[in-house]
């Protein structure tokens, strides 16, 4: 009906920030064990990555950052992508942003390439 037509011809545009909105990253990696981690946050999806804003071992490429997705973030993004054009605007570096989006949107369906990060605007 009308809503479907409107969403195709004059869509709503939503801009999402990554850090502290969709996710939360912790550097350095927490020192507690997996058992302790599971007890503290058993339902939070997370992954480990290298954030090159912080020191890391370039020979072993051992991750230095743990990233947690906020509860309900993926569901909210999925639902919003059905009626709006979703964009990411973040002050993070391109490499960090790419790592996040590869986990969050591996099929590139949520943001459809509308991603801006600080490397796009180096003088800001």
N, C-alpha and C. Protein backbone atom coordinates (compact mmCIF):
# COMPACT_ATOMS: atom_id res chain seq x y z
N UNK A 1 0.78 -1.17 0.00
CA UNK A 1 0.00 0.00 0.00
C UNK A 1 0.85 1.27 0.00
N UNK A 2 0.26 2.29 0.59
CA UNK A 2 0.87 3.61 0.59
C UNK A 2 2.22 3.61 1.30
N UNK A 3 2.32 2.91 2.43
CA UNK A 3 3.58 2.89 3.19
C UNK A 3 4.71 2.28 2.37
N UNK A 4 4.42 1.22 1.64
CA UNK A 4 5.43 0.59 0.78
C UNK A 4 5.86 1.52 -0.33
N UNK A 5 4.90 2.21 -0.94
CA UNK A 5 5.21 3.19 -1.99
C UNK A 5 6.07 4.31 -1.44
N UNK A 6 5.67 4.85 -0.28
CA UNK A 6 6.39 5.96 0.34
C UNK A 6 7.82 5.56 0.70
N UNK A 7 8.00 4.35 1.22
CA UNK A 7 9.34 3.92 1.63
C UNK A 7 10.27 3.76 0.42
N UNK A 8 9.71 3.53 -0.76
CA UNK A 8 10.53 3.40 -1.97
C UNK A 8 10.78 4.74 -2.65
N UNK A 9 9.82 5.64 -2.61
CA UNK A 9 9.94 6.90 -3.35
C UNK A 9 10.49 8.05 -2.51
N UNK A 10 10.25 8.04 -1.21
CA UNK A 10 10.72 9.12 -0.34
C UNK A 10 11.03 8.54 1.04
N UNK A 11 12.08 7.70 1.11
CA UNK A 11 12.34 6.98 2.35
C UNK A 11 12.85 7.87 3.48
N UNK A 12 12.64 7.40 4.68
CA UNK A 12 13.22 8.01 5.87
C UNK A 12 14.70 7.62 5.88
N UNK A 13 15.56 8.53 6.29
CA UNK A 13 16.99 8.24 6.41
C UNK A 13 17.36 8.25 7.89
N UNK A 14 17.90 7.13 8.37
CA UNK A 14 18.34 7.01 9.76
C UNK A 14 19.87 6.94 9.80
N UNK A 15 20.45 7.73 10.68
CA UNK A 15 21.90 7.73 10.85
C UNK A 15 22.24 7.11 12.19
N UNK A 16 23.09 6.09 12.15
CA UNK A 16 23.48 5.36 13.35
C UNK A 16 24.94 5.64 13.67
N UNK A 17 25.23 5.82 14.93
CA UNK A 17 26.61 5.88 15.40
C UNK A 17 26.96 4.48 15.90
N UNK A 18 28.20 4.07 15.72
CA UNK A 18 28.58 2.73 16.15
C UNK A 18 28.82 2.66 17.66
N UNK A 19 29.89 3.31 18.11
CA UNK A 19 30.31 3.17 19.51
C UNK A 19 29.32 3.78 20.48
N UNK A 20 29.01 2.98 21.50
CA UNK A 20 28.10 3.36 22.59
C UNK A 20 26.66 3.56 22.14
N UNK A 21 26.35 3.16 20.92
CA UNK A 21 24.96 3.16 20.45
C UNK A 21 24.60 1.73 20.05
N UNK A 22 25.25 1.23 19.01
CA UNK A 22 25.01 -0.13 18.53
C UNK A 22 25.88 -1.12 19.28
N UNK A 23 27.05 -0.68 19.71
CA UNK A 23 28.00 -1.60 20.33
C UNK A 23 28.84 -0.88 21.38
N UNK A 24 29.64 -1.67 22.05
CA UNK A 24 30.58 -1.14 23.04
C UNK A 24 31.86 -1.94 22.91
N UNK A 25 32.97 -1.24 22.69
CA UNK A 25 34.27 -1.92 22.59
C UNK A 25 35.11 -1.63 23.81
N UNK A 26 35.85 -2.66 24.25
CA UNK A 26 36.67 -2.56 25.44
C UNK A 26 38.11 -2.89 25.06
N UNK A 27 39.02 -1.96 25.41
CA UNK A 27 40.44 -2.15 25.19
C UNK A 27 41.15 -1.79 26.48
N UNK A 28 42.10 -2.58 26.96
CA UNK A 28 42.55 -3.87 26.44
C UNK A 28 41.52 -4.96 26.71
N UNK A 29 41.77 -6.11 26.13
CA UNK A 29 40.86 -7.24 26.33
C UNK A 29 40.69 -7.52 27.81
N UNK A 30 39.49 -7.87 28.23
CA UNK A 30 39.29 -8.23 29.65
C UNK A 30 40.20 -9.39 30.02
N UNK A 31 40.74 -9.35 31.24
CA UNK A 31 41.69 -10.38 31.66
C UNK A 31 41.02 -11.58 32.31
N UNK A 32 39.68 -11.53 32.49
CA UNK A 32 39.02 -12.66 33.13
C UNK A 32 38.84 -13.81 32.15
N UNK A 33 38.58 -14.97 32.68
CA UNK A 33 38.47 -16.17 31.87
C UNK A 33 37.14 -16.21 31.13
N UNK A 34 37.04 -17.11 30.17
CA UNK A 34 35.81 -17.27 29.41
C UNK A 34 34.65 -17.63 30.33
N UNK A 35 34.91 -18.47 31.34
CA UNK A 35 33.86 -18.86 32.29
C UNK A 35 33.32 -17.64 33.02
N UNK A 36 34.22 -16.79 33.50
CA UNK A 36 33.80 -15.58 34.20
C UNK A 36 33.05 -14.66 33.24
N UNK A 37 33.57 -14.53 32.02
CA UNK A 37 32.94 -13.67 31.02
C UNK A 37 31.52 -14.14 30.74
N UNK A 38 31.32 -15.43 30.61
CA UNK A 38 30.00 -15.98 30.33
C UNK A 38 29.05 -15.73 31.50
N UNK A 39 29.55 -15.80 32.72
CA UNK A 39 28.72 -15.55 33.89
C UNK A 39 28.27 -14.09 33.96
N UNK A 40 29.17 -13.17 33.60
CA UNK A 40 28.86 -11.75 33.68
C UNK A 40 27.89 -11.32 32.59
N UNK A 41 28.14 -11.74 31.36
CA UNK A 41 27.30 -11.31 30.23
C UNK A 41 26.99 -12.50 29.34
N UNK A 42 26.15 -13.43 29.82
CA UNK A 42 25.94 -14.68 29.09
C UNK A 42 25.25 -14.52 27.74
N UNK A 43 24.47 -13.47 27.56
CA UNK A 43 23.71 -13.35 26.32
C UNK A 43 24.24 -12.29 25.37
N UNK A 44 25.31 -11.59 25.73
CA UNK A 44 25.83 -10.55 24.85
C UNK A 44 26.75 -11.14 23.80
N UNK A 45 26.38 -10.95 22.55
CA UNK A 45 27.24 -11.41 21.46
C UNK A 45 28.46 -10.50 21.41
N UNK A 46 29.64 -11.10 21.29
CA UNK A 46 30.85 -10.30 21.19
C UNK A 46 31.85 -10.98 20.26
N UNK A 47 32.83 -10.22 19.85
CA UNK A 47 33.94 -10.75 19.08
C UNK A 47 35.18 -9.94 19.41
N UNK A 48 36.35 -10.54 19.19
CA UNK A 48 37.62 -9.88 19.45
C UNK A 48 38.22 -9.43 18.13
N UNK A 49 38.90 -8.28 18.17
CA UNK A 49 39.47 -7.72 16.96
C UNK A 49 40.69 -6.87 17.28
N UNK A 50 41.37 -6.42 16.25
CA UNK A 50 42.47 -5.47 16.41
C UNK A 50 41.93 -4.07 16.12
N UNK A 51 42.11 -3.19 17.08
CA UNK A 51 41.79 -1.78 16.89
C UNK A 51 43.13 -1.06 16.83
N UNK A 52 43.50 -0.57 15.65
CA UNK A 52 44.83 0.00 15.49
C UNK A 52 44.98 1.41 16.06
N UNK A 53 43.96 1.90 16.78
CA UNK A 53 44.11 3.12 17.57
C UNK A 53 44.91 2.84 18.84
N UNK A 54 45.02 1.55 19.19
CA UNK A 54 45.68 1.14 20.42
C UNK A 54 46.84 0.20 20.10
N UNK A 55 47.82 0.10 20.99
CA UNK A 55 48.97 -0.79 20.73
C UNK A 55 48.53 -2.25 20.58
N UNK A 56 49.18 -2.93 19.64
CA UNK A 56 48.95 -4.36 19.46
C UNK A 56 50.21 -4.99 18.90
N UNK A 57 50.33 -6.30 19.04
CA UNK A 57 51.51 -7.03 18.59
C UNK A 57 51.37 -7.30 17.09
N UNK A 58 52.17 -6.62 16.29
CA UNK A 58 52.06 -6.74 14.83
C UNK A 58 52.59 -8.07 14.30
N UNK A 59 53.39 -8.76 15.09
CA UNK A 59 53.90 -10.05 14.62
C UNK A 59 52.89 -11.18 14.86
N UNK A 60 52.16 -11.13 15.98
CA UNK A 60 51.19 -12.20 16.25
C UNK A 60 49.78 -11.82 15.82
N UNK A 61 49.53 -10.51 15.63
CA UNK A 61 48.19 -10.00 15.30
C UNK A 61 47.14 -10.46 16.30
N UNK A 62 47.57 -10.54 17.55
CA UNK A 62 46.64 -10.92 18.62
C UNK A 62 45.65 -9.78 18.86
N UNK A 63 44.36 -10.07 18.93
CA UNK A 63 43.37 -9.01 19.15
C UNK A 63 43.64 -8.22 20.42
N UNK A 64 43.30 -6.95 20.39
CA UNK A 64 43.48 -6.08 21.56
C UNK A 64 42.17 -5.45 22.02
N UNK A 65 41.08 -5.80 21.37
CA UNK A 65 39.79 -5.17 21.67
C UNK A 65 38.68 -6.21 21.64
N UNK A 66 37.78 -6.14 22.61
CA UNK A 66 36.58 -6.98 22.61
C UNK A 66 35.39 -6.06 22.35
N UNK A 67 34.58 -6.44 21.38
CA UNK A 67 33.42 -5.63 20.99
C UNK A 67 32.14 -6.40 21.30
N UNK A 68 31.26 -5.74 22.04
CA UNK A 68 29.96 -6.32 22.41
C UNK A 68 28.86 -5.58 21.65
N UNK A 69 27.92 -6.32 21.08
CA UNK A 69 26.74 -5.70 20.49
C UNK A 69 25.73 -5.45 21.59
N UNK A 70 25.14 -4.30 21.60
CA UNK A 70 24.12 -3.98 22.61
C UNK A 70 22.90 -4.87 22.40
N UNK A 71 22.26 -5.28 23.50
CA UNK A 71 21.07 -6.12 23.38
C UNK A 71 20.01 -5.43 22.53
N UNK A 72 19.49 -6.14 21.56
CA UNK A 72 18.44 -5.62 20.69
C UNK A 72 18.93 -4.78 19.53
N UNK A 73 20.23 -4.51 19.46
CA UNK A 73 20.76 -3.64 18.39
C UNK A 73 20.55 -4.25 17.01
N UNK A 74 20.88 -5.51 16.87
CA UNK A 74 20.71 -6.15 15.55
C UNK A 74 19.24 -6.19 15.13
N UNK A 75 18.38 -6.48 16.07
CA UNK A 75 16.95 -6.51 15.76
C UNK A 75 16.45 -5.13 15.36
N UNK A 76 16.86 -4.10 16.09
CA UNK A 76 16.46 -2.73 15.77
C UNK A 76 16.95 -2.33 14.38
N UNK A 77 18.19 -2.64 14.07
CA UNK A 77 18.74 -2.31 12.76
C UNK A 77 17.98 -3.03 11.65
N UNK A 78 17.71 -4.31 11.86
CA UNK A 78 16.98 -5.09 10.87
C UNK A 78 15.59 -4.51 10.63
N UNK A 79 14.87 -4.23 11.70
CA UNK A 79 13.51 -3.68 11.55
C UNK A 79 13.53 -2.31 10.88
N UNK A 80 14.45 -1.46 11.28
CA UNK A 80 14.53 -0.12 10.69
C UNK A 80 14.92 -0.17 9.22
N UNK A 81 15.73 -1.15 8.85
CA UNK A 81 16.15 -1.26 7.45
C UNK A 81 14.99 -1.62 6.53
N UNK A 82 13.89 -2.09 7.09
CA UNK A 82 12.72 -2.45 6.29
C UNK A 82 11.90 -1.24 5.85
N UNK A 83 12.02 -0.13 6.59
CA UNK A 83 11.24 1.06 6.21
C UNK A 83 12.08 2.31 6.03
N UNK A 84 13.40 2.20 6.24
CA UNK A 84 14.25 3.38 6.14
C UNK A 84 15.59 3.02 5.50
N UNK A 85 16.27 4.03 5.01
CA UNK A 85 17.64 3.87 4.52
C UNK A 85 18.55 4.13 5.72
N UNK A 86 19.31 3.12 6.10
CA UNK A 86 20.17 3.22 7.28
C UNK A 86 21.59 3.60 6.87
N UNK A 87 22.17 4.54 7.60
CA UNK A 87 23.53 5.00 7.38
C UNK A 87 24.33 4.83 8.66
N UNK A 88 25.65 4.70 8.53
CA UNK A 88 26.55 4.70 9.67
C UNK A 88 27.43 5.93 9.54
N UNK A 89 27.52 6.67 10.61
CA UNK A 89 28.45 7.79 10.69
C UNK A 89 29.20 7.63 11.99
N UNK A 90 30.52 7.51 11.91
CA UNK A 90 31.30 7.24 13.10
C UNK A 90 32.63 7.98 13.07
N UNK A 91 33.13 8.30 14.23
CA UNK A 91 34.44 8.93 14.35
C UNK A 91 35.56 7.89 14.36
N UNK A 92 35.21 6.64 14.21
CA UNK A 92 36.21 5.56 14.22
C UNK A 92 36.98 5.52 12.90
N UNK A 93 38.12 4.83 12.94
CA UNK A 93 38.91 4.63 11.72
C UNK A 93 38.22 3.65 10.78
N UNK A 94 38.64 3.69 9.53
CA UNK A 94 38.06 2.80 8.52
C UNK A 94 38.28 1.33 8.86
N UNK A 95 39.49 0.97 9.34
CA UNK A 95 39.77 -0.44 9.63
C UNK A 95 38.87 -0.97 10.74
N UNK A 96 38.69 -0.19 11.79
CA UNK A 96 37.81 -0.57 12.91
C UNK A 96 36.37 -0.67 12.42
N UNK A 97 35.93 0.31 11.65
CA UNK A 97 34.56 0.32 11.13
C UNK A 97 34.31 -0.90 10.25
N UNK A 98 35.28 -1.23 9.41
CA UNK A 98 35.15 -2.39 8.54
C UNK A 98 35.03 -3.67 9.35
N UNK A 99 35.87 -3.82 10.39
CA UNK A 99 35.78 -5.01 11.26
C UNK A 99 34.39 -5.14 11.87
N UNK A 100 33.86 -4.03 12.36
CA UNK A 100 32.54 -4.03 13.00
C UNK A 100 31.46 -4.43 11.99
N UNK A 101 31.48 -3.78 10.83
CA UNK A 101 30.43 -4.04 9.85
C UNK A 101 30.51 -5.43 9.25
N UNK A 102 31.71 -6.01 9.19
CA UNK A 102 31.82 -7.39 8.72
C UNK A 102 31.11 -8.35 9.68
N UNK A 103 31.10 -8.04 10.95
CA UNK A 103 30.39 -8.85 11.95
C UNK A 103 28.90 -8.50 11.99
N UNK A 104 28.60 -7.22 11.95
CA UNK A 104 27.22 -6.74 12.12
C UNK A 104 26.38 -6.94 10.87
N UNK A 105 26.97 -6.71 9.71
CA UNK A 105 26.23 -6.72 8.45
C UNK A 105 27.04 -7.43 7.36
N UNK A 106 27.30 -8.74 7.55
CA UNK A 106 28.17 -9.45 6.60
C UNK A 106 27.63 -9.50 5.17
N UNK A 107 26.33 -9.44 5.01
CA UNK A 107 25.73 -9.50 3.66
C UNK A 107 25.54 -8.12 3.04
N UNK A 108 25.91 -7.07 3.78
CA UNK A 108 25.80 -5.68 3.31
C UNK A 108 24.37 -5.31 2.93
N UNK A 109 23.41 -5.80 3.71
CA UNK A 109 22.01 -5.50 3.45
C UNK A 109 21.46 -4.39 4.33
N UNK A 110 22.05 -4.19 5.52
CA UNK A 110 21.50 -3.19 6.44
C UNK A 110 21.87 -1.77 6.03
N UNK A 111 23.13 -1.55 5.67
CA UNK A 111 23.59 -0.20 5.39
C UNK A 111 23.81 0.07 3.91
N UNK A 112 23.86 -0.96 3.11
CA UNK A 112 23.98 -0.84 1.66
C UNK A 112 25.06 0.15 1.21
N UNK A 113 26.16 0.16 1.95
CA UNK A 113 27.29 0.99 1.54
C UNK A 113 27.27 2.42 2.03
N UNK A 114 26.26 2.81 2.79
CA UNK A 114 26.17 4.17 3.30
C UNK A 114 26.91 4.27 4.63
N UNK A 115 28.23 4.31 4.56
CA UNK A 115 29.06 4.32 5.75
C UNK A 115 30.08 5.46 5.64
N UNK A 116 30.10 6.31 6.66
CA UNK A 116 31.08 7.40 6.72
C UNK A 116 31.86 7.26 8.01
N UNK A 117 33.18 7.39 7.92
CA UNK A 117 34.04 7.31 9.09
C UNK A 117 35.04 8.44 9.02
N UNK A 118 35.87 8.57 10.05
CA UNK A 118 36.75 9.74 10.13
C UNK A 118 37.77 9.82 9.00
N UNK A 119 38.10 8.72 8.38
CA UNK A 119 39.04 8.76 7.25
C UNK A 119 38.43 9.45 6.03
N UNK A 120 37.10 9.49 5.97
CA UNK A 120 36.43 10.19 4.88
C UNK A 120 36.55 11.71 5.00
N UNK A 121 36.72 12.17 6.23
CA UNK A 121 36.80 13.60 6.51
C UNK A 121 37.99 13.87 7.44
N UNK A 122 39.23 13.74 6.93
CA UNK A 122 40.40 13.82 7.81
C UNK A 122 40.62 15.18 8.47
N UNK A 123 40.08 16.24 7.94
CA UNK A 123 40.34 17.58 8.49
C UNK A 123 39.30 18.00 9.53
N UNK A 124 38.34 17.17 9.79
CA UNK A 124 37.30 17.52 10.78
C UNK A 124 37.81 17.20 12.16
